[in-house]
Amino acid sequence: MDKILDALRAIVGDAHVLTGGDLSAWELDWRKRTRGKALAVVRPADTAQVAAVVSACAAAGVSMVPQGGNTGLVGGSTPDASGRQVVLSLQRLNAVRAIDSANLTMTVEAGCILQTLQETAEKAGFLFPLSLAAEGSCTIGGNLGSNAGGTQVVRYGNARDLCLGLEVVTAQGEVWEGLSGLRKDNTGYDLRDLFIGSEGTLGIITAATMKLYPLPAAQLTAWAAVPSMEDAVTLLGLAHRHLGAGLTGFEVMGQFALGLVARHFPQQRVPLYAETPFCVLLENSDHESESHAREQFERLLETAMEEGCVTDAVVAENLQQAHQLWHIRESIPLAQAEEGLNIKHDISVPVSLIPEFVRVTDALLVKAIPGVRLVNFGHLGDGNLHYNVQAPAEGDAAAFLRDQEENVNALVYDSVQVFGGSISAEHGVGSLKLDKLEKHKSPVALGLMRAIKRGLDPENLMNPGRVLRA
């Protein structure tokens, strides 16, 4: 292996080929469930260096694991335990290459932090709407590799919907230049969509051209108490009718999930949760004025209360209050971690079927594991729930995870399949859901995916053991 290490040092410099010391920032995943051992962590500075690194690794038969901010939740960006994989960190590719105001696009390198994109766009007078809890550390390359979702999918779509073009280094070390920023290009297969969501198994995204939007004149946030999941879906329908394209966020949160935030972060004042099974967080972005947005919200909530799908509600009076409400929502995963190890699910079901899915699956879990606690929250506006399972209150959380994870996963994913849903809505497959995909994806779909993998990466050197088995 000394020969390949020498070749990598010649490409990126000695300082950027890391082989010793504490490499846990690259070898340990965010959930601390997957720890590997890298041959080296290689940190190229530009696309040419990425291509050269890939060519050198391909010639030596060394597999590569591309990595952005290492904030993934499915074990998709950490090396295996063999000590023979190169972690290819893209964090030094962090330039904003261009903003095209007339085309409403921004071209950025894969290592750009998501929050940097948001702030850069805002300074230029635009909105870049991709938003998720890890935005201070995740990178746009990772967002695209996993087709990240977040809180504004109901209006703007996933990362895939926000991307107009890519620059990609192929498994052979060639560079595909596809950064045109065209909204119409009907010239054959859509190569961009092959690489988005492929989790680095087909090639390495090094840059992207992303859509920008005009900044809204006002952005208001409301918090509503709803008696049931059916009422939350009814409220969503009312919000679509009253707010139209202004509806940019619609999050549902179960009482137990909010109770965890109140228990572990008592400094946060969680409104209304103690008196209702579910709360909904809504965001309205308006291009006229704040008064118009507030008037829309008030009419929506009045109608919802008249129809009985909302029992109480508050509208944030200022930006600080809005941030506090969103902070409560974003604190649920942290509060759940404080409560103990848990079993996470990132599933999607057609919105119309979510109430019945929750009712049926809740009952199955409670029957199978008496005392089990359900942490149900997520992006109801686009049909994505983080349907998580916590050990019984007096139980051993580590033992629960060890003994029950496979049974719980099977029960939840079988139920998802019955309701026509997906076992991964926005987190990806990685290594954690590899076996589950084999079971729940159709044989025809798996065959097509394997054919694409063989065609683009015949030597299986690009993030092997993720998404698909070789």
Protein backbone atom coordinates (compact mmCIF):
# COMPACT_ATOMS: atom_id res chain seq x y z
CA MET A 1 0.00 0.00 0.00
CA ASP A 2 3.00 2.34 0.27
CA LYS A 3 2.96 2.82 -3.50
CA ILE A 4 -0.61 4.15 -3.63
CA LEU A 5 0.01 6.36 -0.58
CA ASP A 6 3.07 7.86 -2.28
CA ALA A 7 0.99 8.49 -5.42
CA LEU A 8 -1.73 10.21 -3.38
CA ARG A 9 0.82 12.39 -1.58
CA ALA A 10 2.26 13.44 -4.93
CA ILE A 11 -1.22 14.57 -6.03
CA VAL A 12 -2.52 16.46 -2.97
CA GLY A 13 0.59 16.99 -0.83
CA ASP A 14 1.82 15.22 2.28
CA ALA A 15 -0.29 17.37 4.61
CA HIS A 16 -3.50 16.22 2.97
CA VAL A 17 -2.97 12.46 3.13
CA LEU A 18 -3.82 11.54 6.73
CA THR A 19 -2.81 8.09 7.93
CA GLY A 20 -2.09 8.43 11.63
CA GLY A 21 -3.40 10.03 14.78
CA ASP A 22 -7.04 10.49 15.64
CA LEU A 23 -9.08 10.07 12.45
CA SER A 24 -12.42 9.61 14.21
CA ALA A 25 -13.83 12.73 12.52
CA TRP A 26 -13.74 10.72 9.27
CA GLU A 27 -13.92 7.12 10.54
CA LEU A 28 -16.85 7.44 12.97
CA ASP A 29 -20.36 8.23 11.75
CA TRP A 30 -22.53 10.99 13.28
CA ARG A 31 -24.72 8.53 15.21
CA LYS A 32 -21.59 6.81 16.56
CA ARG A 33 -22.93 3.48 15.36
CA THR A 34 -20.44 2.81 12.57
CA ARG A 35 -16.67 3.00 13.05
CA GLY A 36 -14.26 1.98 10.31
CA LYS A 37 -10.56 2.07 9.58
CA ALA A 38 -9.29 4.03 6.59
CA LEU A 39 -6.13 3.34 4.63
CA ALA A 40 -5.90 7.12 4.43
CA VAL A 41 -8.03 10.25 4.51
CA VAL A 42 -7.25 12.20 1.34
CA ARG A 43 -8.23 15.86 1.05
CA PRO A 44 -7.98 17.16 -2.54
CA ALA A 45 -8.20 20.90 -3.20
CA ASP A 46 -10.00 20.97 -6.55
CA THR A 47 -11.73 18.87 -9.18
CA ALA A 48 -8.49 18.10 -11.02
CA GLN A 49 -7.01 16.65 -7.84
CA VAL A 50 -10.17 14.60 -7.20
CA ALA A 51 -9.92 13.16 -10.72
CA ALA A 52 -6.24 12.35 -10.23
CA VAL A 53 -6.92 10.67 -6.87
CA VAL A 54 -9.71 8.57 -8.38
CA SER A 55 -7.48 7.57 -11.32
CA ALA A 56 -4.67 6.54 -8.97
CA CYS A 57 -7.01 4.53 -6.73
CA ALA A 58 -8.66 2.87 -9.74
CA ALA A 59 -5.28 1.85 -11.13
CA ALA A 60 -4.35 0.34 -7.76
CA GLY A 61 -7.75 -1.34 -7.26
CA VAL A 62 -8.37 0.66 -4.07
CA SER A 63 -11.97 1.50 -3.23
CA MET A 64 -13.02 5.01 -2.24
CA VAL A 65 -15.55 6.44 0.22
CA PRO A 66 -16.50 10.03 -0.65
CA GLN A 67 -17.33 12.18 2.36
CA GLY A 68 -18.70 15.68 2.91
CA GLY A 69 -19.62 16.81 6.42
CA ASN A 70 -20.03 13.22 7.70
CA THR A 71 -23.48 14.05 9.06
CA GLY A 72 -25.30 11.11 7.44
CA LEU A 73 -27.58 8.86 9.47
CA VAL A 74 -27.34 5.53 7.59
CA GLY A 75 -23.63 4.68 7.64
CA GLY A 76 -23.06 5.79 4.07
CA SER A 77 -19.88 7.85 4.32
CA THR A 78 -17.56 6.05 6.73
CA PRO A 79 -15.02 3.39 5.68
CA ASP A 80 -15.34 -0.28 6.46
CA ALA A 81 -13.09 -2.01 9.00
CA SER A 82 -10.61 -3.40 6.46
CA GLY A 83 -8.13 -0.53 6.58
CA ARG A 84 -7.93 -0.69 2.78
CA GLN A 85 -10.38 2.06 1.75
CA VAL A 86 -9.51 5.67 1.01
CA VAL A 87 -11.81 8.27 2.51
CA LEU A 88 -12.00 11.04 -0.06
CA SER A 89 -12.94 14.18 1.90
CA LEU A 90 -14.33 17.00 -0.25
CA GLN A 91 -14.31 19.68 2.45
CA ARG A 92 -11.55 21.71 0.76
CA LEU A 93 -13.68 22.10 -2.37
CA ASN A 94 -15.70 24.86 -0.75
CA ALA A 95 -15.84 27.76 -3.22
CA VAL A 96 -18.93 29.54 -4.46
CA ARG A 97 -17.92 29.73 -8.11
CA ALA A 98 -20.63 32.02 -9.46
CA ILE A 99 -24.05 33.57 -8.93
CA ASP A 100 -26.08 34.19 -12.08
CA SER A 101 -28.78 36.68 -11.04
CA ALA A 102 -30.61 36.62 -14.35
CA ASN A 103 -30.65 32.81 -14.48
CA LEU A 104 -31.47 32.56 -10.76
CA THR A 105 -28.66 30.07 -10.15
CA MET A 106 -25.62 29.61 -7.94
CA THR A 107 -22.71 27.33 -8.89
CA VAL A 108 -20.91 25.91 -5.86
CA GLU A 109 -18.35 23.25 -5.03
CA ALA A 110 -19.34 20.07 -3.25
CA GLY A 111 -17.62 20.90 0.04
CA CYS A 112 -19.62 24.11 0.61
CA ILE A 113 -21.45 24.06 3.95
CA LEU A 114 -25.20 24.30 3.40
CA GLN A 115 -25.52 27.27 5.75
CA THR A 116 -22.85 29.10 3.73
CA LEU A 117 -24.97 28.64 0.60
CA GLN A 118 -28.01 30.02 2.39
CA GLU A 119 -26.12 33.06 3.69
CA THR A 120 -24.33 33.75 0.40
CA ALA A 121 -27.62 33.63 -1.49
CA GLU A 122 -29.28 35.96 1.03
CA LYS A 123 -26.48 38.52 0.77
CA ALA A 124 -27.02 38.53 -3.00
CA GLY A 125 -30.75 39.11 -2.47
CA PHE A 126 -31.94 35.54 -3.07
CA LEU A 127 -33.29 32.53 -1.21
CA PHE A 128 -31.67 29.10 -1.31
CA PRO A 129 -34.43 27.08 0.34
CA LEU A 130 -32.82 23.75 1.28
CA SER A 131 -32.93 23.70 5.09
CA LEU A 132 -32.28 20.92 7.62
CA ALA A 133 -31.05 20.52 11.15
CA ALA A 134 -27.42 19.76 10.17
CA GLU A 135 -27.13 22.79 7.87
CA GLY A 136 -24.25 24.24 9.91
CA SER A 137 -22.01 21.26 9.12
CA CYS A 138 -23.44 19.23 6.22
CA THR A 139 -22.18 19.96 2.69
CA ILE A 140 -24.06 20.42 -0.55
CA GLY A 141 -22.24 17.46 -2.12
CA GLY A 142 -23.53 15.20 0.64
CA ASN A 143 -26.98 16.77 0.38
CA LEU A 144 -27.07 15.91 -3.32
CA GLY A 145 -25.50 12.48 -2.83
CA SER A 146 -28.31 11.55 -0.44
CA ASN A 147 -31.00 13.70 -2.10
CA ALA A 148 -31.60 15.45 1.22
CA GLY A 149 -35.03 16.83 2.05
CA GLY A 150 -35.57 19.01 5.10
CA THR A 151 -38.29 21.37 6.20
CA GLN A 152 -39.27 23.17 2.96
CA VAL A 153 -39.81 20.24 0.61
CA VAL A 154 -43.56 20.91 0.60
CA ARG A 155 -42.87 24.06 -1.45
CA TYR A 156 -39.44 23.67 -3.08
CA GLY A 157 -38.81 19.93 -3.27
CA ASN A 158 -35.79 17.81 -2.32
CA ALA A 159 -32.17 18.56 -3.22
CA ARG A 160 -32.81 16.91 -6.61
CA ASP A 161 -35.51 19.46 -7.41
CA LEU A 162 -33.16 22.34 -6.57
CA CYS A 163 -30.29 21.17 -8.80
CA LEU A 164 -29.92 22.12 -12.46
CA GLY A 165 -26.48 20.69 -13.19
CA LEU A 166 -23.51 18.76 -11.84
CA GLU A 167 -19.80 18.33 -12.25
CA VAL A 168 -18.88 14.71 -11.54
CA VAL A 169 -15.69 12.66 -11.44
CA THR A 170 -16.47 9.21 -12.80
CA ALA A 171 -15.18 5.91 -11.45
CA GLN A 172 -12.51 5.99 -14.18
CA GLY A 173 -11.24 9.44 -13.13
CA GLU A 174 -12.87 11.35 -15.99
CA VAL A 175 -14.68 14.64 -15.39
CA TRP A 176 -18.23 15.11 -16.64
CA GLU A 177 -18.95 18.83 -17.05
CA GLY A 178 -22.67 19.30 -16.66
CA LEU A 179 -22.95 22.67 -14.91
CA SER A 180 -24.87 24.52 -17.63
CA GLY A 181 -27.74 25.62 -15.40
CA LEU A 182 -30.27 24.94 -18.16
CA ARG A 183 -33.87 24.40 -17.13
CA LYS A 184 -34.57 22.64 -20.42
CA ASP A 185 -32.15 20.11 -21.92
CA ASN A 186 -33.94 17.25 -23.64
CA THR A 187 -30.90 15.46 -25.08
CA GLY A 188 -31.14 11.90 -23.86
CA TYR A 189 -30.74 10.30 -20.46
CA ASP A 190 -30.71 12.63 -17.46
CA LEU A 191 -27.24 11.90 -16.11
CA ARG A 192 -27.68 14.46 -13.34
CA ASP A 193 -30.49 12.45 -11.77
CA LEU A 194 -28.39 9.27 -11.84
CA PHE A 195 -25.77 10.78 -9.55
CA ILE A 196 -28.15 12.64 -7.22
CA GLY A 197 -29.22 10.19 -4.52
CA SER A 198 -26.61 7.60 -5.51
CA GLU A 199 -24.64 8.13 -2.27
CA GLY A 200 -21.29 8.20 -4.05
CA THR A 201 -21.70 4.71 -5.51
CA LEU A 202 -21.62 5.84 -9.16
CA GLY A 203 -19.26 8.83 -9.15
CA ILE A 204 -18.14 11.78 -7.06
CA ILE A 205 -20.04 15.07 -7.24
CA THR A 206 -17.51 17.92 -7.16
CA ALA A 207 -19.72 20.92 -8.00
CA ALA A 208 -23.35 21.77 -8.68
CA THR A 209 -25.50 24.51 -10.16
CA MET A 210 -28.43 25.15 -7.82
CA LYS A 211 -31.66 27.10 -8.20
CA LEU A 212 -32.22 30.40 -6.41
CA TYR A 213 -35.52 32.12 -5.60
CA PRO A 214 -36.51 35.70 -4.78
CA LEU A 215 -36.43 36.49 -1.08
CA PRO A 216 -39.94 36.57 0.39
CA ALA A 217 -41.21 39.89 1.72
CA ALA A 218 -42.35 38.16 4.90
CA GLN A 219 -42.07 34.77 6.58
CA LEU A 220 -44.45 33.92 9.41
CA THR A 221 -44.62 30.86 11.65
CA ALA A 222 -47.62 29.40 13.48
CA TRP A 223 -47.96 26.61 16.05
CA ALA A 224 -51.28 24.78 16.21
CA ALA A 225 -52.71 22.10 18.51
CA VAL A 226 -54.60 19.35 16.65
CA PRO A 227 -56.67 16.55 18.21
CA SER A 228 -55.49 13.77 15.88
CA MET A 229 -53.34 12.91 12.89
CA GLU A 230 -56.50 13.01 10.75
CA ASP A 231 -57.00 16.62 11.87
CA ALA A 232 -53.38 17.41 10.98
CA VAL A 233 -54.02 16.15 7.43
CA THR A 234 -57.23 18.19 7.26
CA LEU A 235 -55.29 21.27 8.37
CA LEU A 236 -52.73 20.60 5.64
CA GLY A 237 -55.47 20.64 3.03
CA LEU A 238 -56.81 23.93 4.40
CA ALA A 239 -53.29 25.39 4.40
CA HIS A 240 -52.83 24.49 0.74
CA ARG A 241 -56.11 26.21 -0.13
CA HIS A 242 -55.55 29.34 1.97
CA LEU A 243 -51.80 29.84 1.49
CA GLY A 244 -51.13 28.25 -1.90
CA ALA A 245 -47.45 28.43 -2.82
CA GLY A 246 -46.86 30.44 0.36
CA LEU A 247 -46.98 27.24 2.42
CA THR A 248 -43.27 26.49 2.84
CA GLY A 249 -43.27 24.34 5.97
CA PHE A 250 -45.69 21.90 7.60
CA GLU A 251 -44.31 19.79 10.44
CA VAL A 252 -46.22 17.45 12.75
CA MET A 253 -44.98 16.56 16.25
CA GLY A 254 -46.45 13.99 18.63
CA GLN A 255 -47.09 14.74 22.28
CA PHE A 256 -44.43 12.31 23.54
CA ALA A 257 -41.81 13.75 21.15
CA LEU A 258 -42.48 17.28 22.41
CA GLY A 259 -42.54 16.01 25.99
CA LEU A 260 -38.95 14.80 25.55
CA VAL A 261 -37.90 18.33 24.55
CA ALA A 262 -39.69 19.78 27.59
CA ARG A 263 -38.03 17.22 29.87
CA HIS A 264 -34.45 17.41 28.60
CA PHE A 265 -34.36 21.08 27.55
CA PRO A 266 -36.57 22.79 30.16
CA GLN A 267 -35.27 26.21 29.09
CA GLN A 268 -37.34 25.81 25.93
CA ARG A 269 -40.99 26.64 26.45
CA VAL A 270 -42.98 24.12 24.42
CA PRO A 271 -46.45 25.55 23.73
CA LEU A 272 -49.75 23.65 23.89
CA TYR A 273 -48.26 20.14 23.81
CA ALA A 274 -49.55 19.00 27.21
CA GLU A 275 -53.18 19.40 26.15
CA THR A 276 -53.18 17.78 22.71
CA PRO A 277 -52.00 14.56 21.01
CA PHE A 278 -50.25 16.45 18.17
CA CYS A 279 -48.94 19.90 17.34
CA VAL A 280 -48.30 21.31 13.88
CA LEU A 281 -45.69 23.90 12.93
CA LEU A 282 -46.60 25.88 9.80
CA GLU A 283 -44.59 28.43 7.83
CA ASN A 284 -46.07 30.95 5.39
CA SER A 285 -43.73 32.84 3.02
CA ASP A 286 -45.40 35.82 1.39
CA HIS A 287 -44.18 38.00 -1.47
CA GLU A 288 -46.52 40.91 -0.72
CA SER A 289 -46.13 42.01 2.90
CA GLU A 290 -46.09 40.81 6.50
CA SER A 291 -49.59 42.15 7.05
CA HIS A 292 -50.88 40.14 4.11
CA ALA A 293 -49.15 37.00 5.39
CA ARG A 294 -50.55 37.48 8.88
CA GLU A 295 -54.04 38.05 7.48
CA GLN A 296 -53.77 34.79 5.50
CA PHE A 297 -52.64 32.91 8.61
CA GLU A 298 -55.45 34.31 10.73
CA ARG A 299 -58.10 33.35 8.15
CA LEU A 300 -56.61 29.85 7.89
CA LEU A 301 -56.58 29.30 11.65
CA GLU A 302 -60.09 30.72 12.11
CA THR A 303 -61.40 28.31 9.48
CA ALA A 304 -59.50 25.41 11.02
CA MET A 305 -60.95 26.13 14.46
CA GLU A 306 -64.46 26.42 13.01
CA GLU A 307 -64.02 23.02 11.39
CA GLY A 308 -62.59 21.53 14.62
CA CYS A 309 -59.24 20.38 13.28
CA VAL A 310 -57.39 22.97 15.42
CA THR A 311 -58.17 23.56 19.10
CA ASP A 312 -55.66 26.33 19.81
CA ALA A 313 -52.90 28.16 17.99
CA VAL A 314 -50.25 30.86 18.29
CA VAL A 315 -48.60 32.94 15.57
CA ALA A 316 -45.02 34.10 16.14
CA GLU A 317 -44.94 37.88 16.68
CA ASN A 318 -41.38 38.31 15.44
CA LEU A 319 -38.41 36.50 13.95
CA GLN A 320 -37.01 35.56 17.36
CA GLN A 321 -40.24 33.80 18.35
CA ALA A 322 -40.30 32.01 14.99
CA HIS A 323 -36.74 30.78 15.54
CA GLN A 324 -37.70 29.55 19.01
CA LEU A 325 -40.59 27.51 17.61
CA TRP A 326 -38.41 25.98 14.91
CA HIS A 327 -35.71 25.29 17.52
CA ILE A 328 -38.21 23.20 19.48
CA ARG A 329 -38.92 21.10 16.39
CA GLU A 330 -35.23 20.68 15.61
CA SER A 331 -34.48 19.68 19.22
CA ILE A 332 -36.60 16.53 19.11
CA PRO A 333 -33.77 14.26 17.80
CA LEU A 334 -31.39 15.69 20.41
CA ALA A 335 -33.92 15.16 23.19
CA GLN A 336 -34.50 11.62 22.00
CA ALA A 337 -30.76 10.96 22.15
CA GLU A 338 -30.72 12.31 25.73
CA GLU A 339 -33.51 9.88 26.58
CA GLY A 340 -31.38 6.95 25.39
CA LEU A 341 -30.54 4.79 22.40
CA ASN A 342 -33.47 4.43 20.02
CA ILE A 343 -34.54 2.88 16.74
CA LYS A 344 -34.89 5.46 13.97
CA HIS A 345 -37.06 5.31 10.87
CA ASP A 346 -37.19 7.80 8.01
CA ILE A 347 -40.24 6.68 6.09
CA SER A 348 -42.73 8.12 3.63
CA VAL A 349 -46.33 7.23 2.99
CA PRO A 350 -48.95 8.99 0.84
CA VAL A 351 -50.24 11.87 2.97
CA SER A 352 -53.83 10.63 2.72
CA LEU A 353 -52.82 7.30 4.30
CA ILE A 354 -50.61 8.59 7.12
CA PRO A 355 -53.34 8.62 9.82
CA GLU A 356 -54.23 4.98 9.15
CA PHE A 357 -50.56 3.99 8.90
CA VAL A 358 -49.85 5.55 12.30
CA ARG A 359 -52.91 3.97 13.90
CA VAL A 360 -52.14 0.49 12.56
CA THR A 361 -48.39 0.57 13.18
CA ASP A 362 -48.71 2.06 16.66
CA ALA A 363 -51.04 -0.79 17.61
CA LEU A 364 -48.71 -3.44 16.21
CA LEU A 365 -45.72 -2.08 18.12
CA VAL A 366 -47.56 -1.66 21.41
CA LYS A 367 -48.86 -5.23 21.13
CA ALA A 368 -45.41 -6.64 20.29
CA ILE A 369 -43.51 -4.67 22.94
CA PRO A 370 -45.65 -3.58 25.90
CA GLY A 371 -44.62 -0.16 27.20
CA VAL A 372 -42.78 0.86 24.03
CA ARG A 373 -42.74 4.63 23.42
CA LEU A 374 -43.26 6.15 19.98
CA VAL A 375 -41.48 9.33 18.93
CA ASN A 376 -43.49 10.42 15.92
CA PHE A 377 -42.65 13.69 14.14
CA GLY A 378 -41.68 14.96 10.73
CA HIS A 379 -42.51 16.58 7.45
CA LEU A 380 -46.20 15.79 7.13
CA GLY A 381 -46.50 18.28 4.26
CA ASP A 382 -44.58 15.92 1.98
CA GLY A 383 -45.56 12.61 3.59
CA ASN A 384 -42.28 11.98 5.44
CA LEU A 385 -42.35 10.85 9.08
CA HIS A 386 -39.47 10.24 11.46
CA TYR A 387 -41.28 7.36 13.10
CA ASN A 388 -38.89 6.43 15.91
CA VAL A 389 -39.18 3.86 18.64
CA GLN A 390 -37.93 4.34 22.21
CA ALA A 391 -37.48 1.63 24.83
CA PRO A 392 -40.04 1.28 27.64
CA ALA A 393 -39.49 3.88 30.35
CA GLU A 394 -37.89 1.53 32.85
CA GLY A 395 -36.08 -0.59 30.28
CA ASP A 396 -32.42 -0.86 29.33
CA ALA A 397 -32.10 1.26 26.17
CA ALA A 398 -28.93 -0.48 24.96
CA ALA A 399 -30.47 -3.92 25.46
CA PHE A 400 -33.65 -2.75 23.73
CA LEU A 401 -31.68 -1.61 20.70
CA ARG A 402 -29.66 -4.83 20.60
CA ASP A 403 -32.58 -7.22 21.11
CA GLN A 404 -35.45 -5.46 19.36
CA GLU A 405 -34.05 -3.46 16.43
CA GLU A 406 -34.48 -6.15 13.79
CA ASN A 407 -38.00 -7.03 14.98
CA VAL A 408 -39.08 -3.40 15.14
CA ASN A 409 -37.60 -2.62 11.73
CA ALA A 410 -39.34 -5.59 10.17
CA LEU A 411 -42.69 -4.60 11.66
CA VAL A 412 -42.41 -0.93 10.65
CA TYR A 413 -41.05 -1.56 7.15
CA ASP A 414 -43.60 -4.27 6.41
CA SER A 415 -46.31 -1.81 7.42
CA VAL A 416 -44.77 0.89 5.22
CA GLN A 417 -44.86 -1.51 2.28
CA VAL A 418 -48.52 -2.37 2.92
CA PHE A 419 -49.34 1.34 2.75
CA GLY A 420 -47.39 1.89 -0.47
CA GLY A 421 -44.59 3.86 1.14
CA SER A 422 -40.80 3.98 1.16
CA ILE A 423 -38.39 2.79 3.85
CA SER A 424 -36.14 5.80 3.23
CA ALA A 425 -37.62 9.20 2.51
CA GLU A 426 -34.59 11.48 2.78
CA HIS A 427 -31.70 9.88 4.70
CA GLY A 428 -30.70 7.36 2.04
CA VAL A 429 -29.84 3.67 2.25
CA GLY A 430 -26.13 3.64 3.13
CA SER A 431 -25.01 0.42 4.78
CA LEU A 432 -27.66 0.49 7.51
CA LYS A 433 -30.60 -0.27 5.20
CA LEU A 434 -28.78 -2.41 2.66
CA ASP A 435 -30.60 -5.63 3.57
CA LYS A 436 -33.92 -3.80 3.92
CA LEU A 437 -33.69 -2.45 0.37
CA GLU A 438 -33.14 -5.97 -0.95
CA LYS A 439 -36.38 -7.03 0.71
CA HIS A 440 -38.61 -4.05 -0.03
CA LYS A 441 -37.49 -2.89 -3.49
CA SER A 442 -38.95 -4.74 -6.47
CA PRO A 443 -36.67 -7.27 -8.22
CA VAL A 444 -37.08 -5.35 -11.47
CA ALA A 445 -35.98 -2.09 -9.84
CA LEU A 446 -33.01 -3.79 -8.17
CA GLY A 447 -31.98 -5.35 -11.48
CA LEU A 448 -32.05 -1.96 -13.22
CA MET A 449 -30.05 -0.37 -10.39
CA ARG A 450 -27.41 -3.12 -10.54
CA ALA A 451 -27.11 -2.69 -14.30
CA ILE A 452 -26.46 1.03 -13.82
CA LYS A 453 -23.87 0.29 -11.13
CA ARG A 454 -22.08 -2.25 -13.34
CA GLY A 455 -22.12 0.15 -16.27
CA LEU A 456 -20.67 3.14 -14.42
CA ASP A 457 -18.50 1.39 -11.81
CA PRO A 458 -17.66 -2.09 -13.14
CA GLU A 459 -14.85 -2.62 -10.63
CA ASN A 460 -17.08 -1.68 -7.66
CA LEU A 461 -14.59 0.85 -6.29
CA MET A 462 -17.04 3.69 -5.58
CA ASN A 463 -18.36 3.42 -2.01
CA PRO A 464 -18.87 -0.36 -2.16
CA GLY A 465 -21.28 -1.93 0.31
CA ARG A 466 -23.62 1.05 0.17
CA VAL A 467 -27.10 1.12 -1.42
CA LEU A 468 -26.55 -2.15 -3.36
CA ARG A 469 -24.69 -5.38 -2.74
CA ALA A 470 -22.09 -6.15 -5.39
